[in-house]
Amino acid sequence: MSVDRSDSAPSSPQDATGGASGTRFSPEDEALLEALAAGHSARDAGAVVGVSERSVVRRKSNPDFAARLEARKAEIASERIAVIQGLRDSKLRLAAQADQALADLLSHDDPAIRLAAAKQLTAATQSLGQLDIQVRLAELERQIAESAAEGWAAPSRWPE
């Protein structure tokens, strides 16, 4: 009688990758993927999972593992973009209300109140600009991660 091992843990590193398909990884590999995708170094990711840095480097050299890692980085970047965009949209809605209140104060009789309102409007505008930069940066990171998942390798050092 044969035993179906499709749901059991892989018995070797080759089994952990699911062979040529690259779709199945051991729980240890999944944890390692998450640690690396979260930005941990090979040494730190290995410490999280309980393997040596050398083992991490070896796993990263496996094409199936490397492709899954890059895909996970792209997923994380997309998730980050969604969160940042949600924050930006929420901030924009609140900013519209705050802008109206501050705009009303710009015509106040007291010059100190007008000045304070003008300062607040300026600060709020700068804050939204910074949030927009975060969205753009996250989008670039996502595009790089997706490109890497498709086989494009970013330069090891960007021009200065």
Foldseek 3Di string as FASTA:
>chain_A
DDDDCPPPFDPDQCVQLVHPVRPHHGPLLVQLLVCVLVPDQLQVSCVVSVHHSVVSVVQCVPLSSVLVSLVVNLVVLVVVLVVLVVVLVVLVVVVVVLLVVLVVQCPDPDVVSVVVSVVVNVVSVVVSVVSVVVNVVSVVSSVQSVVVSVPDDDDPDDDD
